[in-house]
Amino acid sequence: MRSKVDKKLCTAAEAAGLIQDGQVVVSGGFVGAAHPEALTSALERRFLDTGLPRNLTLVYAAGQGDGSTRGANHFAHEGLVKRVIGGHWGLAPKLGELATKNLIEAYNFPQGVICQIFRDIAAGRPGCITHIGLETFIDPENSGGRINDRTREPLVERIKLGGRDWLWYKAFPVDIGLIRGTAADTFGNIVMYDEAIIGEVLPIAQAAHNSGGKVIAQVKKILDRPAPPQSVGVPGILVDHIVIAEAGEHQQTFAEQYNRGYCSALPDDESDRAVVEKMEMGPRRIIAARALMEIKENAIANLGIGIPEDIGRIAAEYGVLDSFTLTVESGPIGGIPAGGWSFGASLYPEAIIDQPAQFDFYDGRGLDFAALGAAEIDSCGNVNVSKFGKKLPGVGGFVNITQTAKKLVFCSPMTAGGLEISCSNNNLIIKKEGKVRKFVERVEQVSFSSSLSQKVGQEVIYVTERAVFRLTKKGLELIEIAPGIDIKRQVLDVMGFKPIVGDVKLMPEEIFTKGG
């Protein structure tokens, strides 16, 4: 019964040895979830030992890494890669360093576009034609998503179809697809039942196979019988090689070995139900609590990484989590989105779909609400999250989400770099101002275009710990301040521009109390 799968088994070192100079390698995963860590680490070891392979093109959709050594950081060696096309760079700072030093060709495209283009490659289409990315730095009228001076080839083009402007992200052949599943059955089928996400395993496998390339799958174990057909994530006909990973290289996420709650809609019993610890009073809590007030009942919502993650925690603490549905771009629907190195997973989700399908839903304006972070906000209401100074976080799913959600809330402290606050008698006290202004005259890079937002009729709010703004046709308008805050000294004087100041109300006092 195991003859088919046995013929495909090999070691991680043997799998790494199959990758040749100059090939296009696609790696799956979201932070650490469903990332084939055994395969990418084996490839790094081979390069360090032999200097081979060289000049690879690495393509990945979601951020993959732990901000240090794992995930896409394994590729971060001069000579190993010559080109990287990535959605989010911040979790692989070593790759980002190669890009900022002009040592590799580097592109930053929207996460949703990259995971969708694998389907286009598989289907033999010319690429992904979409509205996502227009009027941002990814638009060819700006930088075309090229990160540095070394990167010259245009991989995205503006075209007109039906009288509308679209972006054409061009297809390319995939030589190697690196994917991960929980197990392989006797046919070599890959099943995903212990994985926190499905990701884009099937599109990667189909793209590589139909390009004449190879698909290498990492699993925890081999089943002794065929899996139920409906449970198969990747059919064995698409899988060339299978590697059984060690436990240390097959964590469910980069934070947890295994959490059953990420694969189950309900706890086994009430004693297993997650206990949400109350957040301490601080800028993050205040911002999250105020942002929560913008979510309407029955809304379908997305919460970004960072401060927006805390909105789910506050909602659970307040007992209102059931009044709307939280989704994560990686595929989970419902439940409580996880944070930190488990970001991408959700605790007790109602459903988990594949990542490209989730972005289909987002791109078609399926989201009622989205809350995301902001590194810089300018006088026009543009937002930058992708590049500032020498930091290269990249956009991830930010562009897909911010260009399509019906209502947006950007969450950011007023200043960063040492900000300290306290609350007393329902008033906010700024004990120490941050060194870095978040509101600037002009953002370094446009990740969110306020002009495009105005054209599609989005409602856009900017929430800080001491002030709330909204986007208008004339720019940002200050609409709320925290009780106890001096508008001129503690709001206007710490901004790089003067916002519209009209009828300014107080932020709700209850979010500044100890009970939140």
Protein backbone atom coordinates (compact mmCIF):
# COMPACT_ATOMS: atom_id res chain seq x y z
CA MET A 1 0.00 0.00 0.00
CA ARG A 2 2.87 2.41 0.68
CA SER A 3 4.76 1.87 -2.57
CA LYS A 4 3.78 5.24 -4.09
CA VAL A 5 4.76 7.32 -1.10
CA ASP A 6 7.91 5.30 -0.34
CA LYS A 7 9.32 6.13 -3.78
CA LYS A 8 9.04 9.84 -2.98
CA LEU A 9 10.69 9.81 0.45
CA CYS A 10 14.05 11.50 0.85
CA THR A 11 16.02 13.38 3.48
CA ALA A 12 16.00 17.15 3.81
CA ALA A 13 19.64 17.22 2.67
CA GLU A 14 18.78 15.19 -0.43
CA ALA A 15 15.88 17.51 -1.17
CA ALA A 16 18.11 20.58 -0.86
CA GLY A 17 20.54 18.92 -3.27
CA LEU A 18 17.89 18.92 -5.99
CA ILE A 19 17.83 22.73 -6.22
CA GLN A 20 20.06 24.02 -9.00
CA ASP A 21 21.75 27.34 -9.73
CA GLY A 22 19.52 30.09 -11.04
CA GLN A 23 16.20 28.38 -10.32
CA VAL A 24 13.00 30.08 -9.19
CA VAL A 25 12.09 28.78 -5.72
CA VAL A 26 8.69 29.43 -4.12
CA SER A 27 8.36 28.94 -0.37
CA GLY A 28 4.99 28.62 1.38
CA GLY A 29 3.91 29.63 4.85
CA PHE A 30 2.71 32.54 7.01
CA VAL A 31 5.18 33.70 9.70
CA GLY A 32 5.90 30.13 10.91
CA ALA A 33 2.58 28.43 10.18
CA ALA A 34 2.85 25.95 7.28
CA HIS A 35 6.39 27.10 6.54
CA PRO A 36 8.68 24.19 5.47
CA GLU A 37 11.41 25.00 8.01
CA ALA A 38 13.20 21.65 7.57
CA LEU A 39 13.58 22.30 3.84
CA THR A 40 14.68 25.94 3.99
CA SER A 41 17.17 25.27 6.80
CA ALA A 42 18.60 22.29 4.86
CA LEU A 43 19.09 24.52 1.82
CA GLU A 44 20.96 27.05 3.96
CA ARG A 45 23.21 24.33 5.38
CA ARG A 46 24.01 23.09 1.90
CA PHE A 47 24.95 26.58 0.73
CA LEU A 48 27.15 27.22 3.77
CA ASP A 49 28.89 23.86 3.31
CA THR A 50 29.31 23.85 -0.48
CA GLY A 51 28.55 27.32 -1.81
CA LEU A 52 25.71 25.84 -3.85
CA PRO A 53 23.17 26.53 -5.21
CA ARG A 54 23.73 30.10 -6.39
CA ASN A 55 21.72 32.96 -7.82
CA LEU A 56 18.27 31.70 -6.90
CA THR A 57 15.10 33.74 -7.31
CA LEU A 58 13.05 33.44 -4.12
CA VAL A 59 9.32 34.13 -4.19
CA TYR A 60 7.05 34.13 -1.14
CA ALA A 61 3.68 35.73 -0.39
CA ALA A 62 3.29 36.22 3.37
CA GLY A 63 6.08 37.15 5.74
CA GLN A 64 8.02 34.04 6.72
CA GLY A 65 10.36 34.25 9.67
CA ASP A 66 10.88 35.03 13.32
CA GLY A 67 12.73 38.30 12.88
CA SER A 68 16.02 36.49 13.39
CA THR A 69 17.14 33.18 11.89
CA ARG A 70 14.17 31.08 10.82
CA GLY A 71 11.90 31.11 7.77
CA ALA A 72 13.04 33.19 4.81
CA ASN A 73 16.12 34.26 6.78
CA HIS A 74 17.66 30.93 5.68
CA PHE A 75 17.95 32.39 2.16
CA ALA A 76 19.71 35.54 3.33
CA HIS A 77 23.20 34.89 2.00
CA GLU A 78 24.90 36.87 -0.72
CA GLY A 79 25.34 34.53 -3.65
CA LEU A 80 22.54 32.17 -2.63
CA VAL A 81 19.84 34.51 -3.94
CA LYS A 82 20.08 37.10 -6.69
CA ARG A 83 16.41 38.17 -6.69
CA VAL A 84 13.64 38.18 -4.08
CA ILE A 85 9.95 38.86 -4.73
CA GLY A 86 8.30 39.09 -1.34
CA GLY A 87 5.08 40.31 0.19
CA HIS A 88 6.36 41.10 3.69
CA TRP A 89 10.05 41.59 4.48
CA GLY A 90 10.00 42.56 8.14
CA LEU A 91 10.20 39.00 9.54
CA ALA A 92 13.30 38.28 7.48
CA PRO A 93 15.57 41.23 8.35
CA LYS A 94 18.63 39.50 6.95
CA LEU A 95 17.01 39.42 3.53
CA GLY A 96 16.00 43.05 4.00
CA GLU A 97 19.60 43.94 4.74
CA LEU A 98 20.73 42.40 1.45
CA ALA A 99 18.09 44.49 -0.31
CA THR A 100 18.88 47.80 1.41
CA LYS A 101 22.60 47.27 0.73
CA ASN A 102 21.79 46.83 -2.96
CA LEU A 103 23.25 43.30 -2.98
CA ILE A 104 20.19 41.61 -4.52
CA GLU A 105 17.33 42.52 -6.82
CA ALA A 106 14.30 43.06 -4.60
CA TYR A 107 10.59 43.56 -5.15
CA ASN A 108 7.78 44.19 -2.69
CA PHE A 109 4.37 43.19 -4.05
CA PRO A 110 1.06 42.75 -2.21
CA GLN A 111 0.76 39.45 -0.40
CA GLY A 112 -2.60 38.69 -1.97
CA VAL A 113 -1.30 39.28 -5.47
CA ILE A 114 1.66 36.94 -4.99
CA CYS A 115 -0.40 34.06 -3.64
CA GLN A 116 -2.96 34.58 -6.42
CA ILE A 117 -0.35 34.68 -9.19
CA PHE A 118 0.60 31.09 -8.39
CA ARG A 119 -2.87 30.10 -9.61
CA ASP A 120 -2.38 32.17 -12.76
CA ILE A 121 0.96 30.48 -13.43
CA ALA A 122 -0.64 27.08 -12.92
CA ALA A 123 -3.43 27.97 -15.36
CA GLY A 124 -1.08 29.29 -18.03
CA ARG A 125 -2.45 32.83 -17.79
CA PRO A 126 -0.20 35.85 -18.46
CA GLY A 127 -0.21 36.84 -14.81
CA CYS A 128 -2.43 38.47 -12.22
CA ILE A 129 -4.53 41.38 -13.49
CA THR A 130 -5.95 43.33 -10.57
CA HIS A 131 -6.72 46.77 -9.19
CA ILE A 132 -4.63 46.06 -6.09
CA GLY A 133 -1.62 48.36 -5.86
CA LEU A 134 -2.85 51.27 -7.96
CA GLU A 135 -1.61 54.69 -6.75
CA THR A 136 0.79 53.13 -4.23
CA PHE A 137 4.56 52.71 -4.53
CA ILE A 138 3.83 49.42 -6.33
CA ASP A 139 2.18 51.23 -9.23
CA PRO A 140 4.61 51.49 -12.20
CA GLU A 141 3.87 55.22 -12.24
CA ASN A 142 5.82 55.27 -8.98
CA SER A 143 8.52 52.64 -8.26
CA GLY A 144 6.77 49.53 -9.56
CA GLY A 145 7.44 47.75 -6.28
CA ARG A 146 11.21 47.87 -6.84
CA ILE A 147 13.03 48.31 -3.57
CA ASN A 148 16.52 49.42 -4.60
CA ASP A 149 18.57 50.84 -7.49
CA ARG A 150 19.85 47.41 -8.51
CA THR A 151 16.33 46.26 -9.31
CA ARG A 152 15.55 47.29 -12.88
CA GLU A 153 13.28 44.78 -14.61
CA PRO A 154 9.62 45.88 -14.62
CA LEU A 155 7.52 43.00 -13.31
CA VAL A 156 4.25 44.95 -13.10
CA GLU A 157 2.65 47.05 -15.82
CA ARG A 158 -0.31 49.45 -15.95
CA ILE A 159 -2.87 48.47 -18.54
CA LYS A 160 -6.37 49.55 -19.58
CA LEU A 161 -9.26 47.11 -19.82
CA GLY A 162 -12.85 48.20 -20.29
CA GLY A 163 -11.84 51.82 -19.84
CA ARG A 164 -10.35 51.15 -16.38
CA ASP A 165 -6.77 51.14 -15.14
CA TRP A 166 -5.44 47.79 -13.92
CA LEU A 167 -2.09 46.41 -12.83
CA TRP A 168 -0.68 43.39 -14.65
CA TYR A 169 1.72 41.43 -12.46
CA LYS A 170 3.57 39.22 -14.92
CA ALA A 171 3.72 35.44 -14.61
CA PHE A 172 6.97 33.50 -14.39
CA PRO A 173 7.91 29.78 -14.35
CA VAL A 174 8.33 28.08 -10.99
CA ASP A 175 11.17 25.56 -10.80
CA ILE A 176 10.86 24.47 -7.16
CA GLY A 177 7.85 24.58 -4.87
CA LEU A 178 8.58 24.11 -1.15
CA ILE A 179 5.40 23.31 0.79
CA ARG A 180 4.37 21.80 4.10
CA GLY A 181 1.55 19.62 5.35
CA THR A 182 0.84 17.50 8.39
CA ALA A 183 1.18 14.09 6.78
CA ALA A 184 1.43 12.19 3.51
CA ASP A 185 -0.84 9.23 2.88
CA THR A 186 -0.02 6.05 0.96
CA PHE A 187 -0.68 7.78 -2.37
CA GLY A 188 1.64 10.66 -1.52
CA ASN A 189 -1.32 12.98 -0.95
CA ILE A 190 -0.63 15.79 1.51
CA VAL A 191 -3.15 16.48 4.30
CA MET A 192 -3.23 19.59 6.49
CA TYR A 193 -5.26 18.63 9.57
CA ASP A 194 -2.72 19.73 12.22
CA GLU A 195 -1.72 22.91 10.40
CA ALA A 196 -2.95 26.28 11.65
CA ILE A 197 -3.52 27.42 8.06
CA ILE A 198 -3.86 25.93 4.60
CA GLY A 199 -2.04 28.81 2.98
CA GLU A 200 -1.29 28.47 -0.72
CA VAL A 201 0.06 24.91 -0.81
CA LEU A 202 -2.08 23.76 -3.72
CA PRO A 203 -1.45 26.78 -6.02
CA ILE A 204 2.31 26.50 -5.37
CA ALA A 205 2.28 22.80 -6.19
CA GLN A 206 0.20 23.28 -9.33
CA ALA A 207 2.35 26.20 -10.50
CA ALA A 208 5.59 24.24 -10.07
CA HIS A 209 4.22 21.06 -11.65
CA ASN A 210 2.73 22.86 -14.66
CA SER A 211 5.98 24.82 -15.13
CA GLY A 212 7.87 21.54 -15.42
CA GLY A 213 9.40 22.02 -11.98
CA LYS A 214 9.52 19.93 -8.82
CA VAL A 215 7.36 19.98 -5.69
CA ILE A 216 9.01 19.10 -2.38
CA ALA A 217 6.70 18.60 0.60
CA GLN A 218 7.65 18.56 4.27
CA VAL A 219 5.44 16.49 6.61
CA LYS A 220 5.46 15.21 10.19
CA LYS A 221 4.60 11.62 9.38
CA ILE A 222 3.43 9.06 6.82
CA LEU A 223 -0.04 7.58 7.17
CA ASP A 224 -0.49 3.82 6.80
CA ARG A 225 -3.65 4.18 4.71
CA PRO A 226 -5.18 6.56 2.15
CA ALA A 227 -6.58 9.78 3.58
CA PRO A 228 -10.26 10.65 3.07
CA PRO A 229 -10.31 12.23 -0.42
CA GLN A 230 -11.99 15.44 0.78
CA SER A 231 -9.19 16.01 3.31
CA VAL A 232 -6.41 16.08 0.71
CA GLY A 233 -4.77 19.50 0.43
CA VAL A 234 -2.32 18.60 -2.34
CA PRO A 235 -2.83 15.50 -4.53
CA GLY A 236 0.08 13.10 -4.69
CA ILE A 237 0.25 13.45 -8.48
CA LEU A 238 1.72 16.93 -7.90
CA VAL A 239 4.29 15.91 -5.26
CA ASP A 240 7.74 14.76 -6.38
CA HIS A 241 9.55 14.40 -3.08
CA ILE A 242 8.50 14.09 0.57
CA VAL A 243 10.64 14.84 3.61
CA ILE A 244 9.74 13.76 7.15
CA ALA A 245 10.77 16.64 9.41
CA GLU A 246 12.05 16.52 12.94
CA ALA A 247 9.69 17.94 15.57
CA GLY A 248 11.89 20.99 16.13
CA GLU A 249 11.52 21.93 12.47
CA HIS A 250 7.79 21.35 12.23
CA GLN A 251 6.26 23.56 14.89
CA GLN A 252 2.66 24.51 14.26
CA THR A 253 3.76 28.14 14.57
CA PHE A 254 7.10 29.68 15.45
CA ALA A 255 5.72 30.28 18.96
CA GLU A 256 4.02 26.96 19.69
CA GLN A 257 4.74 23.30 19.02
CA TYR A 258 1.04 22.52 18.79
CA ASN A 259 -2.15 24.22 19.89
CA ARG A 260 -5.27 22.15 19.27
CA GLY A 261 -7.38 25.30 19.43
CA TYR A 262 -5.97 26.46 16.09
CA CYS A 263 -7.52 23.41 14.38
CA SER A 264 -10.82 23.18 16.25
CA ALA A 265 -13.96 25.29 16.24
CA LEU A 266 -14.69 24.58 19.90
CA PRO A 267 -12.74 23.56 23.02
CA ASP A 268 -13.15 20.01 24.31
CA ASP A 269 -14.86 21.41 27.39
CA GLU A 270 -15.27 24.72 29.16
CA SER A 271 -12.08 24.23 31.16
CA ASP A 272 -10.10 24.33 27.89
CA ARG A 273 -11.61 27.62 26.80
CA ALA A 274 -8.98 30.29 26.40
CA VAL A 275 -8.63 32.77 29.22
CA VAL A 276 -7.98 36.24 27.82
CA GLU A 277 -5.77 38.19 30.18
CA LYS A 278 -6.75 41.78 30.71
CA MET A 279 -4.43 44.22 28.99
CA GLU A 280 -2.55 46.73 31.07
CA MET A 281 -3.47 50.36 30.68
CA GLY A 282 -1.27 51.99 28.05
CA PRO A 283 -1.34 53.43 24.53
CA ARG A 284 -2.05 50.03 22.94
CA ARG A 285 -5.06 49.37 25.16
CA ILE A 286 -6.52 52.83 24.65
CA ILE A 287 -6.11 52.68 20.87
CA ALA A 288 -7.53 49.17 20.63
CA ALA A 289 -10.50 50.02 22.85
CA ARG A 290 -11.32 53.14 20.79
CA ALA A 291 -10.90 51.28 17.50
CA LEU A 292 -13.25 48.54 18.71
CA MET A 293 -16.02 51.11 18.94
CA GLU A 294 -15.89 51.53 15.16
CA ILE A 295 -16.87 47.90 14.43
CA LYS A 296 -20.56 47.54 13.69
CA GLU A 297 -22.60 44.54 14.74
CA ASN A 298 -22.39 41.58 12.34
CA ALA A 299 -19.41 43.09 10.54
CA ILE A 300 -16.84 40.89 8.80
CA ALA A 301 -13.49 42.28 9.92
CA ASN A 302 -9.74 41.93 9.57
CA LEU A 303 -7.20 42.95 12.20
CA GLY A 304 -3.63 43.61 11.20
CA ILE A 305 -0.46 42.75 13.09
CA GLY A 306 0.65 44.94 16.00
CA ILE A 307 -1.80 47.18 17.87
CA PRO A 308 -4.81 45.98 15.81
CA GLU A 309 -4.25 42.46 17.19
CA ASP A 310 -5.30 43.80 20.58
CA ILE A 311 -8.77 44.72 19.36
CA GLY A 312 -9.67 41.02 19.48
CA ARG A 313 -8.37 40.77 23.04
CA ILE A 314 -10.36 43.82 24.13
CA ALA A 315 -13.48 42.47 22.40
CA ALA A 316 -13.09 39.14 24.22
CA GLU A 317 -12.56 40.98 27.52
CA TYR A 318 -15.70 43.06 26.95
CA GLY A 319 -17.68 39.96 25.94
CA VAL A 320 -18.59 41.33 22.50
CA LEU A 321 -16.47 39.08 20.31
CA ASP A 322 -19.57 37.22 19.09
CA SER A 323 -21.13 40.40 17.73
CA PHE A 324 -18.89 40.40 14.64
CA THR A 325 -16.63 37.98 12.77
CA LEU A 326 -12.86 38.36 12.71
CA THR A 327 -10.89 36.98 9.78
CA VAL A 328 -7.17 36.66 9.06
CA GLU A 329 -5.70 37.03 5.56
CA SER A 330 -3.99 33.65 5.94
CA GLY A 331 -7.41 31.95 5.82
CA PRO A 332 -9.04 31.59 9.29
CA ILE A 333 -12.59 32.87 9.68
CA GLY A 334 -13.99 33.48 13.17
CA GLY A 335 -12.36 32.85 16.51
CA ILE A 336 -9.69 35.04 18.12
CA PRO A 337 -6.69 35.86 15.89
CA ALA A 338 -3.40 34.88 17.51
CA GLY A 339 -0.58 37.36 17.96
CA GLY A 340 3.22 37.40 18.02
CA TRP A 341 4.96 34.51 16.27
CA SER A 342 1.59 32.73 16.06
CA PHE A 343 0.08 35.53 13.99
CA GLY A 344 -1.83 34.00 11.08
CA ALA A 345 -3.53 31.41 13.26
CA SER A 346 -6.87 31.86 15.03
CA LEU A 347 -8.05 30.24 18.24
CA TYR A 348 -11.23 28.22 17.68
CA PRO A 349 -11.95 29.43 14.13
CA GLU A 350 -15.28 28.66 12.49
CA ALA A 351 -13.57 27.82 9.20
CA ILE A 352 -10.16 27.88 7.53
CA ILE A 353 -9.98 28.50 3.78
CA ASP A 354 -6.90 28.79 1.59
CA GLN A 355 -5.08 32.11 1.46
CA PRO A 356 -5.73 32.99 -2.22
CA ALA A 357 -9.46 32.45 -1.70
CA GLN A 358 -9.39 34.71 1.36
CA PHE A 359 -7.80 37.45 -0.73
CA ASP A 360 -10.38 36.93 -3.49
CA PHE A 361 -12.99 37.76 -0.87
CA TYR A 362 -11.04 40.75 0.42
CA ASP A 363 -10.21 42.13 -3.05
CA GLY A 364 -13.88 42.07 -4.01
CA ARG A 365 -14.73 44.35 -1.06
CA GLY A 366 -16.05 41.59 1.18
CA LEU A 367 -14.64 43.17 4.33
CA ASP A 368 -16.87 45.53 6.24
CA PHE A 369 -14.09 46.69 8.56
CA ALA A 370 -10.32 46.54 8.85
CA ALA A 371 -7.92 47.88 11.45
CA LEU A 372 -4.24 48.19 10.60
CA GLY A 373 -1.11 49.80 11.94
CA ALA A 374 0.64 52.87 10.54
CA ALA A 375 4.31 53.85 10.61
CA GLU A 376 3.75 57.27 9.03
CA ILE A 377 0.61 59.31 8.28
CA ASP A 378 0.79 62.48 6.23
CA SER A 379 -1.28 65.62 5.70
CA CYS A 380 -3.23 64.03 2.84
CA GLY A 381 -4.04 60.96 4.90
CA ASN A 382 -1.61 58.68 3.03
CA VAL A 383 -0.10 55.92 5.16
CA ASN A 384 3.31 54.29 5.01
CA VAL A 385 3.99 50.89 6.55
CA SER A 386 6.43 49.50 4.00
CA LYS A 387 9.68 51.46 4.16
CA PHE A 388 11.07 54.11 6.48
CA GLY A 389 14.76 54.90 6.75
CA LYS A 390 16.73 51.68 6.71
CA LYS A 391 13.76 49.62 7.85
CA LEU A 392 12.03 47.51 5.20
CA PRO A 393 8.92 45.84 6.62
CA GLY A 394 7.13 45.58 3.28
CA VAL A 395 3.38 45.68 2.78
CA GLY A 396 2.22 42.08 3.25
CA GLY A 397 -1.57 42.04 2.87
CA PHE A 398 -1.86 45.72 3.81
CA VAL A 399 -2.52 46.97 0.27
CA ASN A 400 -5.15 44.34 -0.50
CA ILE A 401 -6.99 45.10 2.73
CA THR A 402 -6.73 48.90 2.83
CA GLN A 403 -7.79 49.36 -0.79
CA THR A 404 -10.94 47.29 -0.41
CA ALA A 405 -12.38 47.26 3.14
CA LYS A 406 -15.50 49.41 3.39
CA LYS A 407 -14.31 51.02 6.65
CA LEU A 408 -10.71 51.48 7.74
CA VAL A 409 -9.21 52.33 11.10
CA PHE A 410 -5.48 53.03 11.25
CA CYS A 411 -4.05 52.46 14.72
CA SER A 412 -0.92 54.27 15.84
CA PRO A 413 0.43 56.13 18.86
CA MET A 414 0.80 59.85 18.30
CA THR A 415 4.54 59.59 18.82
CA ALA A 416 6.95 56.67 19.17
CA GLY A 417 10.30 56.04 20.76
CA GLY A 418 9.82 56.41 24.50
CA LEU A 419 6.20 57.52 24.84
CA GLU A 420 4.94 57.08 28.41
CA ILE A 421 1.39 57.75 29.59
CA SER A 422 -0.82 57.24 32.61
CA CYS A 423 -4.50 57.75 33.39
CA SER A 424 -5.94 59.52 36.41
CA ASN A 425 -9.53 60.52 37.13
CA ASN A 426 -10.51 59.44 33.60
CA ASN A 427 -7.93 61.82 32.14
CA LEU A 428 -4.94 60.93 29.96
CA ILE A 429 -1.55 62.17 31.17
CA ILE A 430 1.46 62.31 28.84
CA LYS A 431 4.35 61.56 31.19
CA LYS A 432 7.02 61.45 28.47
CA GLU A 433 6.67 62.33 24.82
CA GLY A 434 7.99 59.98 22.16
CA LYS A 435 10.98 61.07 20.09
CA VAL A 436 9.52 60.11 16.71
CA ARG A 437 6.59 61.91 15.12
CA LYS A 438 4.15 59.55 13.41
CA PHE A 439 2.23 62.35 11.66
CA VAL A 440 4.51 63.85 9.00
CA GLU A 441 4.11 66.32 6.15
CA ARG A 442 4.80 63.63 3.54
CA VAL A 443 5.22 59.89 3.94
CA GLU A 444 8.41 58.31 2.64
CA GLN A 445 6.45 55.70 0.67
CA VAL A 446 2.73 55.48 -0.12
CA SER A 447 1.37 52.13 1.07
CA PHE A 448 -2.19 53.47 1.39
CA SER A 449 -3.39 56.08 -1.09
CA SER A 450 -5.91 58.50 0.38
CA SER A 451 -6.86 59.82 -3.08
CA LEU A 452 -7.80 56.32 -4.27
CA SER A 453 -9.69 55.75 -1.03
CA GLN A 454 -11.75 58.87 -1.65
CA LYS A 455 -12.60 57.65 -5.15
CA VAL A 456 -14.00 54.33 -3.90
CA GLY A 457 -15.88 55.93 -1.01
CA GLN A 458 -14.19 54.37 2.02
CA GLU A 459 -14.73 55.65 5.54
CA VAL A 460 -11.28 56.15 7.08
CA ILE A 461 -10.47 56.88 10.74
CA TYR A 462 -7.05 57.35 12.39
CA VAL A 463 -6.96 56.45 16.08
CA THR A 464 -4.20 57.39 18.51
CA GLU A 465 -4.08 57.28 22.29
CA ARG A 466 -4.86 61.00 22.56
CA ALA A 467 -6.65 62.01 19.35
CA VAL A 468 -8.87 60.68 16.59
CA PHE A 469 -8.86 61.94 12.99
CA ARG A 470 -10.92 61.21 9.91
CA LEU A 471 -10.12 61.44 6.23
CA THR A 472 -11.87 64.18 4.27
CA LYS A 473 -11.46 65.48 0.73
CA LYS A 474 -9.39 68.34 2.17
CA GLY A 475 -7.14 66.15 4.30
CA LEU A 476 -7.13 64.97 7.91
CA GLU A 477 -9.66 66.43 10.29
CA LEU A 478 -9.22 66.26 14.06
CA ILE A 479 -12.53 65.02 15.49
CA GLU A 480 -11.72 63.83 19.05
CA ILE A 481 -9.16 64.36 21.78
CA ALA A 482 -8.63 62.49 25.01
CA PRO A 483 -9.86 64.08 28.23
CA GLY A 484 -7.03 65.99 29.90
CA ILE A 485 -5.13 66.63 26.66
CA ASP A 486 -4.14 70.11 25.49
CA ILE A 487 -4.94 70.34 21.76
CA LYS A 488 -2.15 72.73 20.82
CA ARG A 489 0.70 71.49 22.99
CA GLN A 490 0.04 67.75 22.95
CA VAL A 491 -1.59 67.24 19.54
CA LEU A 492 -0.93 70.01 17.02
CA ASP A 493 2.64 70.74 18.19
CA VAL A 494 3.70 67.11 17.81
CA MET A 495 2.44 66.85 14.23
CA GLY A 496 4.42 67.68 11.10
CA PHE A 497 1.42 69.49 9.60
CA LYS A 498 -1.71 71.26 10.75
CA PRO A 499 -4.86 69.17 10.40
CA ILE A 500 -8.36 70.56 9.89
CA VAL A 501 -9.74 71.47 13.29
CA GLY A 502 -13.50 71.68 13.46
CA ASP A 503 -15.95 70.47 16.06
CA VAL A 504 -13.63 68.47 18.32
CA LYS A 505 -15.28 66.13 20.81
CA LEU A 506 -13.88 64.18 23.73
CA MET A 507 -12.90 60.56 23.26
CA PRO A 508 -15.16 58.34 25.40
CA GLU A 509 -14.01 58.64 29.01
CA GLU A 510 -14.61 54.97 29.82
CA ILE A 511 -11.61 53.82 27.78
CA PHE A 512 -9.32 55.75 30.12
CA THR A 513 -10.62 54.15 33.31
CA LYS A 514 -8.90 51.23 35.00
CA GLY A 515 -11.71 48.98 33.83
CA GLY A 516 -11.28 50.13 30.25
